[in-house]
Amino acid sequence: MKFPFDKKRIIDGMSFQTYYNLTDQLVAEGKTTGPKQTEDLAHYTKLNLSRMKRLAKTASLNDALIEKINQVKRKTYFLVISEAWCGDAAQNVPLIAKATEFSSNIEIKIILRDENLDIMDAFLTNGGRSIPKVIAIDAESLEVIGKWGPRPQAAQKLMLELKAKNAPYAEISERLQRWYIEDKTNSFQADFLELIESTIKGS
């Protein structure tokens, strides 16, 4: 399918550094992104800033993923739908940004979900506005050549199991964050390799 919106919507997206700086500024103000402003969301955003900072500094990609990223030959946008209060975004967006650093042909563009609900609604997960969502788009033709998100498959399975048990949001958030710590980005890297392969085939 072709990206069903104007290319300017992609071009106007943020770099990871701009997204990080925005989150940092909002934390200093006790706020978060999006129209809903609560103490809980501001608290999650503060935690997420620490997580992003740690991952941006310490996370490393494995050789197999780096090698595959280097095979992307055509200019591609990784359009990432995110929000600063989202725990899954904090764990994955820094890794997505790091992946793009290994290819001059991939450019990350981050947009906020609640400011772009029309785009979000074109890329739902099981009917929901789950984030982060990565849409790989050929920069020339605007063909959508791959999608990923909102979390690694193993984390998604855990989340669905917890939801089926009607676990409260706080428990789901805590269990998922514990899973991310124990997984050490391995599942993300295995899953993201598949997105890169789709990008290569699409280009």
N, C-alpha and C. Protein backbone atom coordinates (compact mmCIF):
# COMPACT_ATOMS: atom_id res chain seq x y z
N MET A 1 0.84 -1.20 0.00
CA MET A 1 0.00 0.00 0.00
C MET A 1 0.87 1.25 0.00
N LYS A 2 0.30 2.33 -0.48
CA LYS A 2 1.01 3.60 -0.48
C LYS A 2 0.65 4.37 0.78
N PHE A 3 1.61 5.10 1.33
CA PHE A 3 1.35 5.93 2.50
C PHE A 3 0.23 6.91 2.14
N PRO A 4 -0.92 6.83 2.82
CA PRO A 4 -2.10 7.57 2.37
C PRO A 4 -2.18 9.03 2.80
N PHE A 5 -1.04 9.65 3.04
CA PHE A 5 -1.03 11.04 3.48
C PHE A 5 0.09 11.79 2.77
N ASP A 6 0.08 13.11 2.91
CA ASP A 6 1.07 13.94 2.25
C ASP A 6 2.47 13.66 2.81
N LYS A 7 3.46 13.69 1.93
CA LYS A 7 4.84 13.43 2.34
C LYS A 7 5.31 14.41 3.40
N LYS A 8 4.75 15.62 3.42
CA LYS A 8 5.14 16.63 4.40
C LYS A 8 4.91 16.13 5.83
N ARG A 9 3.92 15.25 6.00
CA ARG A 9 3.64 14.71 7.33
C ARG A 9 4.83 13.89 7.84
N ILE A 10 5.54 13.25 6.90
CA ILE A 10 6.73 12.49 7.26
C ILE A 10 7.90 13.44 7.50
N ILE A 11 8.11 14.35 6.54
CA ILE A 11 9.24 15.28 6.60
C ILE A 11 9.22 16.10 7.89
N ASP A 12 8.03 16.46 8.35
CA ASP A 12 7.90 17.29 9.55
C ASP A 12 8.12 16.52 10.85
N GLY A 13 8.31 15.20 10.76
CA GLY A 13 8.56 14.40 11.95
C GLY A 13 9.87 14.77 12.63
N MET A 14 9.98 14.41 13.89
CA MET A 14 11.15 14.77 14.70
C MET A 14 12.29 13.75 14.54
N SER A 15 13.51 14.22 14.71
CA SER A 15 14.64 13.32 14.89
C SER A 15 14.54 12.74 16.30
N PHE A 16 15.32 11.69 16.58
CA PHE A 16 15.29 11.14 17.93
C PHE A 16 15.79 12.17 18.93
N GLN A 17 16.81 12.96 18.59
CA GLN A 17 17.35 13.95 19.51
C GLN A 17 16.30 15.01 19.85
N THR A 18 15.53 15.42 18.84
CA THR A 18 14.48 16.41 19.09
C THR A 18 13.40 15.83 19.99
N TYR A 19 13.04 14.57 19.74
CA TYR A 19 12.04 13.88 20.57
C TYR A 19 12.55 13.75 22.01
N TYR A 20 13.80 13.39 22.17
CA TYR A 20 14.41 13.27 23.49
C TYR A 20 14.41 14.63 24.21
N ASN A 21 14.82 15.67 23.48
CA ASN A 21 14.86 17.01 24.07
C ASN A 21 13.47 17.48 24.49
N LEU A 22 12.46 17.16 23.68
CA LEU A 22 11.08 17.52 24.02
C LEU A 22 10.66 16.82 25.31
N THR A 23 10.97 15.54 25.43
CA THR A 23 10.63 14.78 26.63
C THR A 23 11.34 15.36 27.84
N ASP A 24 12.60 15.70 27.68
CA ASP A 24 13.39 16.30 28.76
C ASP A 24 12.78 17.61 29.23
N GLN A 25 12.36 18.42 28.28
CA GLN A 25 11.75 19.72 28.60
C GLN A 25 10.43 19.52 29.34
N LEU A 26 9.63 18.57 28.86
CA LEU A 26 8.33 18.33 29.50
C LEU A 26 8.49 17.79 30.91
N VAL A 27 9.47 16.93 31.12
CA VAL A 27 9.74 16.41 32.47
C VAL A 27 10.09 17.55 33.41
N ALA A 28 10.90 18.48 32.93
CA ALA A 28 11.28 19.64 33.75
C ALA A 28 10.06 20.48 34.13
N GLU A 29 9.03 20.44 33.28
CA GLU A 29 7.81 21.20 33.53
C GLU A 29 6.74 20.38 34.24
N GLY A 30 7.05 19.10 34.52
CA GLY A 30 6.06 18.24 35.15
C GLY A 30 4.92 17.86 34.23
N LYS A 31 5.22 17.77 32.93
CA LYS A 31 4.19 17.50 31.93
C LYS A 31 4.56 16.28 31.10
N THR A 32 3.68 15.98 30.14
CA THR A 32 3.96 14.93 29.17
C THR A 32 3.42 15.38 27.81
N THR A 33 3.57 14.53 26.81
CA THR A 33 3.00 14.84 25.50
C THR A 33 1.52 14.49 25.50
N GLY A 34 0.79 15.04 24.53
CA GLY A 34 -0.62 14.70 24.38
C GLY A 34 -1.54 15.60 25.18
N PRO A 35 -2.84 15.52 24.87
CA PRO A 35 -3.82 16.40 25.51
C PRO A 35 -4.14 16.03 26.96
N LYS A 36 -3.90 14.77 27.33
CA LYS A 36 -4.21 14.32 28.69
C LYS A 36 -3.01 14.55 29.60
N GLN A 37 -3.19 15.37 30.63
CA GLN A 37 -2.11 15.70 31.55
C GLN A 37 -2.52 15.28 32.96
N THR A 38 -1.86 14.24 33.49
CA THR A 38 -2.12 13.77 34.85
C THR A 38 -0.79 13.56 35.58
N GLU A 39 -0.87 13.46 36.90
CA GLU A 39 0.34 13.20 37.68
C GLU A 39 0.94 11.85 37.31
N ASP A 40 0.09 10.86 37.09
CA ASP A 40 0.58 9.53 36.72
C ASP A 40 1.34 9.56 35.40
N LEU A 41 0.77 10.22 34.40
CA LEU A 41 1.43 10.29 33.09
C LEU A 41 2.73 11.07 33.17
N ALA A 42 2.75 12.13 33.95
CA ALA A 42 3.98 12.90 34.14
C ALA A 42 5.04 12.04 34.83
N HIS A 43 4.60 11.22 35.78
CA HIS A 43 5.52 10.31 36.49
C HIS A 43 6.10 9.27 35.53
N TYR A 44 5.24 8.67 34.68
CA TYR A 44 5.71 7.69 33.70
C TYR A 44 6.70 8.33 32.73
N THR A 45 6.43 9.57 32.36
CA THR A 45 7.30 10.27 31.42
C THR A 45 8.68 10.50 32.01
N LYS A 46 8.72 10.83 33.30
CA LYS A 46 10.00 11.01 33.99
C LYS A 46 10.78 9.69 34.01
N LEU A 47 10.10 8.58 34.31
CA LEU A 47 10.75 7.27 34.27
C LEU A 47 11.25 6.95 32.87
N ASN A 48 10.43 7.27 31.89
CA ASN A 48 10.77 6.96 30.50
C ASN A 48 11.98 7.74 30.01
N LEU A 49 12.13 8.96 30.50
CA LEU A 49 13.30 9.76 30.12
C LEU A 49 14.57 9.06 30.60
N SER A 50 14.54 8.54 31.83
CA SER A 50 15.70 7.81 32.37
C SER A 50 15.97 6.55 31.54
N ARG A 51 14.91 5.85 31.15
CA ARG A 51 15.08 4.64 30.35
C ARG A 51 15.68 4.97 28.98
N MET A 52 15.17 6.02 28.36
CA MET A 52 15.70 6.41 27.04
C MET A 52 17.17 6.81 27.14
N LYS A 53 17.50 7.56 28.19
CA LYS A 53 18.88 8.01 28.38
C LYS A 53 19.81 6.81 28.54
N ARG A 54 19.38 5.82 29.34
CA ARG A 54 20.21 4.63 29.57
C ARG A 54 20.40 3.83 28.29
N LEU A 55 19.31 3.60 27.57
CA LEU A 55 19.40 2.80 26.34
C LEU A 55 20.21 3.50 25.26
N ALA A 56 20.02 4.81 25.14
CA ALA A 56 20.75 5.56 24.12
C ALA A 56 22.26 5.47 24.36
N LYS A 57 22.65 5.37 25.64
CA LYS A 57 24.07 5.34 25.98
C LYS A 57 24.66 3.93 25.97
N THR A 58 23.87 2.95 26.43
CA THR A 58 24.46 1.63 26.71
C THR A 58 24.07 0.52 25.74
N ALA A 59 22.94 0.64 25.06
CA ALA A 59 22.47 -0.46 24.21
C ALA A 59 23.35 -0.60 22.97
N SER A 60 23.59 -1.84 22.58
CA SER A 60 24.35 -2.09 21.36
C SER A 60 23.61 -3.13 20.52
N LEU A 61 23.71 -2.99 19.21
CA LEU A 61 23.05 -3.91 18.30
C LEU A 61 23.99 -5.06 17.94
N ASN A 62 23.41 -6.23 17.70
CA ASN A 62 24.25 -7.38 17.37
C ASN A 62 24.72 -7.30 15.91
N ASP A 63 25.75 -8.07 15.60
CA ASP A 63 26.38 -8.00 14.28
C ASP A 63 25.42 -8.38 13.16
N ALA A 64 24.54 -9.36 13.41
CA ALA A 64 23.61 -9.81 12.37
C ALA A 64 22.66 -8.69 11.96
N LEU A 65 22.16 -7.94 12.96
CA LEU A 65 21.24 -6.84 12.66
C LEU A 65 21.98 -5.71 11.94
N ILE A 66 23.16 -5.37 12.41
CA ILE A 66 23.95 -4.31 11.76
C ILE A 66 24.25 -4.66 10.31
N GLU A 67 24.65 -5.91 10.09
CA GLU A 67 24.95 -6.35 8.73
C GLU A 67 23.73 -6.23 7.82
N LYS A 68 22.57 -6.58 8.35
CA LYS A 68 21.34 -6.50 7.56
C LYS A 68 20.97 -5.04 7.28
N ILE A 69 21.13 -4.18 8.27
CA ILE A 69 20.84 -2.76 8.09
C ILE A 69 21.70 -2.17 6.98
N ASN A 70 22.95 -2.60 6.92
CA ASN A 70 23.87 -2.09 5.90
C ASN A 70 23.48 -2.50 4.48
N GLN A 71 22.55 -3.44 4.36
CA GLN A 71 22.11 -3.90 3.04
C GLN A 71 20.96 -3.07 2.47
N VAL A 72 20.44 -2.13 3.27
CA VAL A 72 19.37 -1.25 2.77
C VAL A 72 19.99 -0.24 1.81
N LYS A 73 19.60 -0.29 0.55
CA LYS A 73 20.25 0.53 -0.48
C LYS A 73 19.43 1.73 -0.94
N ARG A 74 18.14 1.71 -0.69
CA ARG A 74 17.31 2.82 -1.15
C ARG A 74 16.88 3.68 0.04
N LYS A 75 16.76 4.97 -0.19
CA LYS A 75 16.35 5.91 0.85
C LYS A 75 15.00 5.50 1.42
N THR A 76 14.96 5.34 2.74
CA THR A 76 13.77 4.85 3.43
C THR A 76 13.51 5.68 4.68
N TYR A 77 12.24 5.99 4.91
CA TYR A 77 11.86 6.64 6.17
C TYR A 77 11.35 5.58 7.13
N PHE A 78 11.78 5.67 8.38
CA PHE A 78 11.16 4.92 9.46
C PHE A 78 10.30 5.92 10.23
N LEU A 79 9.01 5.94 9.90
CA LEU A 79 8.09 6.84 10.57
C LEU A 79 7.63 6.16 11.86
N VAL A 80 7.93 6.78 12.99
CA VAL A 80 7.64 6.19 14.30
C VAL A 80 6.54 7.01 14.98
N ILE A 81 5.45 6.33 15.34
CA ILE A 81 4.36 6.97 16.09
C ILE A 81 4.59 6.69 17.56
N SER A 82 4.64 7.73 18.37
CA SER A 82 5.02 7.55 19.77
C SER A 82 4.34 8.59 20.66
N GLU A 83 4.56 8.47 21.96
CA GLU A 83 4.20 9.48 22.97
C GLU A 83 5.18 9.32 24.12
N ALA A 84 5.50 10.41 24.79
CA ALA A 84 6.52 10.39 25.85
C ALA A 84 6.10 9.58 27.07
N TRP A 85 4.79 9.43 27.30
CA TRP A 85 4.31 8.70 28.48
C TRP A 85 4.31 7.18 28.29
N CYS A 86 4.58 6.72 27.08
CA CYS A 86 4.46 5.30 26.75
C CYS A 86 5.72 4.51 27.14
N GLY A 87 5.56 3.54 28.04
CA GLY A 87 6.69 2.74 28.49
C GLY A 87 7.31 1.90 27.39
N ASP A 88 6.48 1.35 26.50
CA ASP A 88 7.02 0.56 25.39
C ASP A 88 7.83 1.45 24.44
N ALA A 89 7.37 2.67 24.25
CA ALA A 89 8.12 3.60 23.39
C ALA A 89 9.49 3.89 23.99
N ALA A 90 9.54 4.09 25.30
CA ALA A 90 10.82 4.39 25.95
C ALA A 90 11.81 3.25 25.79
N GLN A 91 11.31 2.02 25.77
CA GLN A 91 12.19 0.86 25.65
C GLN A 91 12.60 0.57 24.20
N ASN A 92 11.83 1.03 23.24
CA ASN A 92 12.08 0.65 21.85
C ASN A 92 12.54 1.77 20.93
N VAL A 93 12.03 2.98 21.13
CA VAL A 93 12.38 4.08 20.22
C VAL A 93 13.89 4.37 20.21
N PRO A 94 14.59 4.36 21.37
CA PRO A 94 16.04 4.57 21.31
C PRO A 94 16.75 3.50 20.49
N LEU A 95 16.25 2.27 20.53
CA LEU A 95 16.86 1.18 19.75
C LEU A 95 16.59 1.36 18.26
N ILE A 96 15.38 1.81 17.93
CA ILE A 96 15.05 2.09 16.53
C ILE A 96 15.96 3.19 16.00
N ALA A 97 16.14 4.23 16.81
CA ALA A 97 17.02 5.33 16.42
C ALA A 97 18.45 4.85 16.23
N LYS A 98 18.91 3.99 17.14
CA LYS A 98 20.28 3.47 17.05
C LYS A 98 20.45 2.65 15.77
N ALA A 99 19.41 1.88 15.41
CA ALA A 99 19.47 1.07 14.19
C ALA A 99 19.66 1.95 12.96
N THR A 100 18.98 3.09 12.94
CA THR A 100 19.07 3.96 11.76
C THR A 100 20.45 4.59 11.61
N GLU A 101 21.21 4.63 12.71
CA GLU A 101 22.55 5.23 12.65
C GLU A 101 23.52 4.42 11.79
N PHE A 102 23.18 3.15 11.56
CA PHE A 102 24.08 2.28 10.80
C PHE A 102 23.81 2.32 9.30
N SER A 103 22.86 3.16 8.87
CA SER A 103 22.59 3.28 7.44
C SER A 103 22.26 4.72 7.08
N SER A 104 23.00 5.25 6.12
CA SER A 104 22.70 6.61 5.65
C SER A 104 21.43 6.61 4.80
N ASN A 105 20.91 5.42 4.49
CA ASN A 105 19.71 5.32 3.66
C ASN A 105 18.42 5.26 4.48
N ILE A 106 18.55 5.17 5.80
CA ILE A 106 17.36 5.13 6.65
C ILE A 106 17.32 6.38 7.52
N GLU A 107 16.19 7.05 7.52
CA GLU A 107 16.03 8.25 8.34
C GLU A 107 14.82 8.07 9.24
N ILE A 108 15.04 8.27 10.55
CA ILE A 108 13.94 8.15 11.50
C ILE A 108 13.19 9.48 11.59
N LYS A 109 11.86 9.38 11.60
CA LYS A 109 11.00 10.54 11.78
C LYS A 109 9.94 10.16 12.81
N ILE A 110 9.90 10.89 13.91
CA ILE A 110 8.99 10.56 15.01
C ILE A 110 7.85 11.57 15.06
N ILE A 111 6.62 11.04 15.12
CA ILE A 111 5.44 11.90 15.25
C ILE A 111 4.65 11.47 16.49
N LEU A 112 3.93 12.40 17.08
CA LEU A 112 3.14 12.10 18.26
C LEU A 112 1.77 11.56 17.86
N ARG A 113 1.39 10.48 18.51
CA ARG A 113 0.14 9.80 18.15
C ARG A 113 -1.08 10.72 18.20
N ASP A 114 -1.24 11.41 19.33
CA ASP A 114 -2.48 12.16 19.53
C ASP A 114 -2.56 13.44 18.72
N GLU A 115 -1.45 13.81 18.07
CA GLU A 115 -1.48 14.92 17.12
C GLU A 115 -1.64 14.42 15.69
N ASN A 116 -1.65 13.10 15.53
CA ASN A 116 -1.71 12.49 14.19
C ASN A 116 -2.60 11.25 14.20
N LEU A 117 -3.80 11.40 14.74
CA LEU A 117 -4.69 10.25 14.89
C LEU A 117 -5.13 9.68 13.55
N ASP A 118 -5.15 10.50 12.50
CA ASP A 118 -5.52 9.97 11.19
C ASP A 118 -4.47 8.99 10.68
N ILE A 119 -3.20 9.32 10.91
CA ILE A 119 -2.13 8.39 10.53
C ILE A 119 -2.18 7.16 11.43
N MET A 120 -2.34 7.38 12.73
CA MET A 120 -2.42 6.25 13.67
C MET A 120 -3.52 5.29 13.27
N ASP A 121 -4.68 5.83 12.90
CA ASP A 121 -5.83 4.98 12.60
C ASP A 121 -5.68 4.21 11.29
N ALA A 122 -4.70 4.58 10.51
CA ALA A 122 -4.41 3.82 9.28
C ALA A 122 -3.47 2.65 9.57
N PHE A 123 -2.92 2.61 10.79
CA PHE A 123 -1.94 1.57 11.13
C PHE A 123 -2.21 1.03 12.53
N LEU A 124 -3.43 0.60 12.76
CA LEU A 124 -3.83 0.07 14.06
C LEU A 124 -3.25 -1.33 14.29
N THR A 125 -3.18 -1.71 15.55
CA THR A 125 -2.78 -3.07 15.93
C THR A 125 -3.98 -3.73 16.59
N ASN A 126 -4.54 -4.75 15.95
CA ASN A 126 -5.74 -5.43 16.46
C ASN A 126 -6.85 -4.44 16.81
N GLY A 127 -6.97 -3.42 15.97
CA GLY A 127 -8.01 -2.42 16.15
C GLY A 127 -7.69 -1.34 17.17
N GLY A 128 -6.50 -1.39 17.78
CA GLY A 128 -6.15 -0.42 18.82
C GLY A 128 -5.04 0.52 18.39
N ARG A 129 -4.98 1.68 19.04
CA ARG A 129 -3.97 2.70 18.75
C ARG A 129 -2.70 2.46 19.56
N SER A 130 -2.14 1.27 19.41
CA SER A 130 -0.98 0.86 20.19
C SER A 130 0.29 1.49 19.64
N ILE A 131 1.14 1.95 20.55
CA ILE A 131 2.43 2.56 20.18
C ILE A 131 3.53 1.98 21.05
N PRO A 132 4.77 2.08 20.55
CA PRO A 132 5.19 2.73 19.30
C PRO A 132 4.87 1.88 18.09
N LYS A 133 4.69 2.54 16.98
CA LYS A 133 4.46 1.87 15.71
C LYS A 133 5.47 2.41 14.71
N VAL A 134 6.18 1.50 14.04
CA VAL A 134 7.15 1.89 13.02
C VAL A 134 6.58 1.56 11.66
N ILE A 135 6.59 2.53 10.76
CA ILE A 135 6.15 2.32 9.38
C ILE A 135 7.33 2.62 8.47
N ALA A 136 7.82 1.59 7.78
CA ALA A 136 8.93 1.76 6.84
C ALA A 136 8.35 2.20 5.50
N ILE A 137 8.81 3.34 5.00
CA ILE A 137 8.23 3.95 3.81
C ILE A 137 9.33 4.27 2.80
N ASP A 138 9.18 3.79 1.58
CA ASP A 138 10.11 4.14 0.51
C ASP A 138 10.04 5.65 0.27
N ALA A 139 11.17 6.33 0.38
CA ALA A 139 11.18 7.79 0.32
C ALA A 139 10.78 8.34 -1.03
N GLU A 140 10.97 7.55 -2.08
CA GLU A 140 10.65 8.04 -3.43
C GLU A 140 9.20 7.74 -3.81
N SER A 141 8.78 6.50 -3.65
CA SER A 141 7.44 6.10 -4.09
C SER A 141 6.38 6.25 -3.00
N LEU A 142 6.83 6.40 -1.74
CA LEU A 142 5.97 6.43 -0.55
C LEU A 142 5.21 5.12 -0.34
N GLU A 143 5.74 4.04 -0.91
CA GLU A 143 5.15 2.72 -0.65
C GLU A 143 5.51 2.29 0.77
N VAL A 144 4.53 1.74 1.48
CA VAL A 144 4.78 1.18 2.80
C VAL A 144 5.41 -0.20 2.59
N ILE A 145 6.66 -0.36 3.01
CA ILE A 145 7.39 -1.60 2.71
C ILE A 145 7.64 -2.43 3.97
N GLY A 146 7.11 -2.00 5.09
CA GLY A 146 7.24 -2.78 6.31
C GLY A 146 6.62 -2.07 7.49
N LYS A 147 6.23 -2.85 8.51
CA LYS A 147 5.66 -2.29 9.74
C LYS A 147 6.18 -3.08 10.93
N TRP A 148 6.27 -2.42 12.06
CA TRP A 148 6.68 -3.09 13.30
C TRP A 148 6.03 -2.38 14.47
N GLY A 149 5.72 -3.15 15.51
CA GLY A 149 5.23 -2.56 16.75
C GLY A 149 3.92 -3.20 17.19
N PRO A 150 3.52 -2.87 18.40
CA PRO A 150 4.07 -1.84 19.29
C PRO A 150 5.18 -2.32 20.22
N ARG A 151 5.46 -3.63 20.20
CA ARG A 151 6.49 -4.18 21.09
C ARG A 151 6.95 -5.51 20.53
N PRO A 152 8.09 -6.05 20.98
CA PRO A 152 8.51 -7.37 20.52
C PRO A 152 7.43 -8.42 20.73
N GLN A 153 7.42 -9.45 19.90
CA GLN A 153 6.35 -10.46 19.94
C GLN A 153 6.19 -11.10 21.31
N ALA A 154 7.30 -11.41 21.97
CA ALA A 154 7.22 -12.05 23.29
C ALA A 154 6.58 -11.10 24.32
N ALA A 155 6.90 -9.82 24.23
CA ALA A 155 6.30 -8.84 25.14
C ALA A 155 4.82 -8.66 24.83
N GLN A 156 4.48 -8.70 23.55
CA GLN A 156 3.07 -8.59 23.16
C GLN A 156 2.27 -9.77 23.71
N LYS A 157 2.84 -10.95 23.67
CA LYS A 157 2.18 -12.15 24.20
C LYS A 157 1.93 -11.99 25.70
N LEU A 158 2.93 -11.50 26.43
CA LEU A 158 2.79 -11.28 27.86
C LEU A 158 1.69 -10.26 28.15
N MET A 159 1.69 -9.17 27.39
CA MET A 159 0.71 -8.12 27.60
C MET A 159 -0.72 -8.64 27.38
N LEU A 160 -0.91 -9.43 26.32
CA LEU A 160 -2.24 -9.98 26.02
C LEU A 160 -2.68 -10.96 27.11
N GLU A 161 -1.75 -11.73 27.65
CA GLU A 161 -2.07 -12.66 28.74
C GLU A 161 -2.51 -11.89 29.98
N LEU A 162 -1.81 -10.81 30.30
CA LEU A 162 -2.16 -10.01 31.47
C LEU A 162 -3.51 -9.32 31.28
N LYS A 163 -3.76 -8.84 30.07
CA LYS A 163 -5.04 -8.19 29.80
C LYS A 163 -6.19 -9.17 29.92
N ALA A 164 -5.94 -10.40 29.45
CA ALA A 164 -6.98 -11.44 29.52
C ALA A 164 -7.34 -11.76 30.97
N LYS A 165 -6.39 -11.54 31.89
CA LYS A 165 -6.63 -11.77 33.32
C LYS A 165 -7.16 -10.51 34.01
N ASN A 166 -7.42 -9.47 33.21
CA ASN A 166 -7.90 -8.19 33.74
C ASN A 166 -6.95 -7.58 34.76
N ALA A 167 -5.66 -7.76 34.52
CA ALA A 167 -4.65 -7.16 35.41
C ALA A 167 -4.73 -5.64 35.32
N PRO A 168 -4.55 -4.94 36.44
CA PRO A 168 -4.59 -3.47 36.40
C PRO A 168 -3.41 -2.91 35.60
N TYR A 169 -3.58 -1.69 35.11
CA TYR A 169 -2.56 -1.08 34.26
C TYR A 169 -1.20 -1.03 34.95
N ALA A 170 -1.18 -0.70 36.24
CA ALA A 170 0.09 -0.59 36.96
C ALA A 170 0.83 -1.91 36.96
N GLU A 171 0.09 -3.03 37.11
CA GLU A 171 0.73 -4.34 37.11
C GLU A 171 1.27 -4.69 35.72
N ILE A 172 0.46 -4.39 34.70
CA ILE A 172 0.89 -4.66 33.32
C ILE A 172 2.17 -3.88 33.02
N SER A 173 2.19 -2.61 33.40
CA SER A 173 3.35 -1.76 33.15
C SER A 173 4.59 -2.30 33.86
N GLU A 174 4.43 -2.70 35.13
CA GLU A 174 5.57 -3.20 35.90
C GLU A 174 6.09 -4.52 35.32
N ARG A 175 5.18 -5.42 34.96
CA ARG A 175 5.61 -6.72 34.42
C ARG A 175 6.32 -6.54 33.07
N LEU A 176 5.80 -5.64 32.25
CA LEU A 176 6.43 -5.41 30.95
C LEU A 176 7.82 -4.81 31.11
N GLN A 177 7.96 -3.85 32.01
CA GLN A 177 9.26 -3.23 32.21
C GLN A 177 10.27 -4.25 32.75
N ARG A 178 9.81 -5.15 33.63
CA ARG A 178 10.67 -6.20 34.14
C ARG A 178 11.10 -7.13 32.99
N TRP A 179 10.14 -7.42 32.10
CA TRP A 179 10.46 -8.26 30.94
C TRP A 179 11.54 -7.61 30.08
N TYR A 180 11.40 -6.31 29.82
CA TYR A 180 12.39 -5.60 29.00
C TYR A 180 13.78 -5.68 29.64
N ILE A 181 13.85 -5.50 30.94
CA ILE A 181 15.15 -5.54 31.62
C ILE A 181 15.79 -6.92 31.48
N GLU A 182 14.98 -7.96 31.68
CA GLU A 182 15.51 -9.33 31.61
C GLU A 182 15.86 -9.74 30.18
N ASP A 183 15.14 -9.21 29.21
CA ASP A 183 15.36 -9.60 27.82
C ASP A 183 16.61 -8.97 27.22
N LYS A 184 17.03 -7.82 27.75
CA LYS A 184 18.26 -7.14 27.31
C LYS A 184 18.27 -6.83 25.81
N THR A 185 17.15 -6.45 25.25
CA THR A 185 16.94 -6.02 23.86
C THR A 185 17.05 -7.16 22.84
N ASN A 186 17.24 -8.40 23.28
CA ASN A 186 17.42 -9.50 22.35
C ASN A 186 16.20 -9.73 21.46
N SER A 187 15.01 -9.70 22.06
CA SER A 187 13.79 -9.94 21.27
C SER A 187 13.54 -8.81 20.28
N PHE A 188 13.79 -7.57 20.72
CA PHE A 188 13.65 -6.45 19.80
C PHE A 188 14.54 -6.65 18.58
N GLN A 189 15.78 -7.02 18.81
CA GLN A 189 16.73 -7.13 17.71
C GLN A 189 16.34 -8.25 16.74
N ALA A 190 15.85 -9.37 17.28
CA ALA A 190 15.41 -10.47 16.43
C ALA A 190 14.20 -10.07 15.59
N ASP A 191 13.25 -9.39 16.22
CA ASP A 191 12.04 -8.94 15.51
C ASP A 191 12.38 -7.86 14.49
N PHE A 192 13.26 -6.94 14.88
CA PHE A 192 13.56 -5.81 14.00
C PHE A 192 14.33 -6.25 12.77
N LEU A 193 15.05 -7.35 12.91
CA LEU A 193 15.74 -7.93 11.75
C LEU A 193 14.74 -8.25 10.64
N GLU A 194 13.55 -8.71 11.04
CA GLU A 194 12.50 -9.04 10.06
C GLU A 194 12.01 -7.78 9.36
N LEU A 195 11.89 -6.67 10.09
CA LEU A 195 11.48 -5.41 9.46
C LEU A 195 12.53 -4.95 8.45
N ILE A 196 13.80 -5.07 8.82
CA ILE A 196 14.87 -4.67 7.90
C ILE A 196 14.83 -5.54 6.65
N GLU A 197 14.58 -6.82 6.81
CA GLU A 197 14.48 -7.72 5.64
C GLU A 197 13.33 -7.29 4.73
N SER A 198 12.20 -6.91 5.32
CA SER A 198 11.07 -6.40 4.52
C SER A 198 11.45 -5.12 3.78
N THR A 199 12.23 -4.27 4.45
CA THR A 199 12.68 -3.03 3.84
C THR A 199 13.59 -3.30 2.65
N ILE A 200 14.47 -4.27 2.80
CA ILE A 200 15.38 -4.63 1.71
C ILE A 200 14.60 -5.17 0.51
N LYS A 201 13.64 -6.06 0.79
CA LYS A 201 12.83 -6.62 -0.29
C LYS A 201 12.01 -5.54 -0.99
N GLY A 202 11.51 -4.59 -0.18
CA GLY A 202 10.69 -3.52 -0.73
C GLY A 202 11.48 -2.55 -1.56
N SER A 203 12.79 -2.47 -1.30
CA SER A 203 13.62 -1.51 -2.03
C SER A 203 14.31 -2.18 -3.21
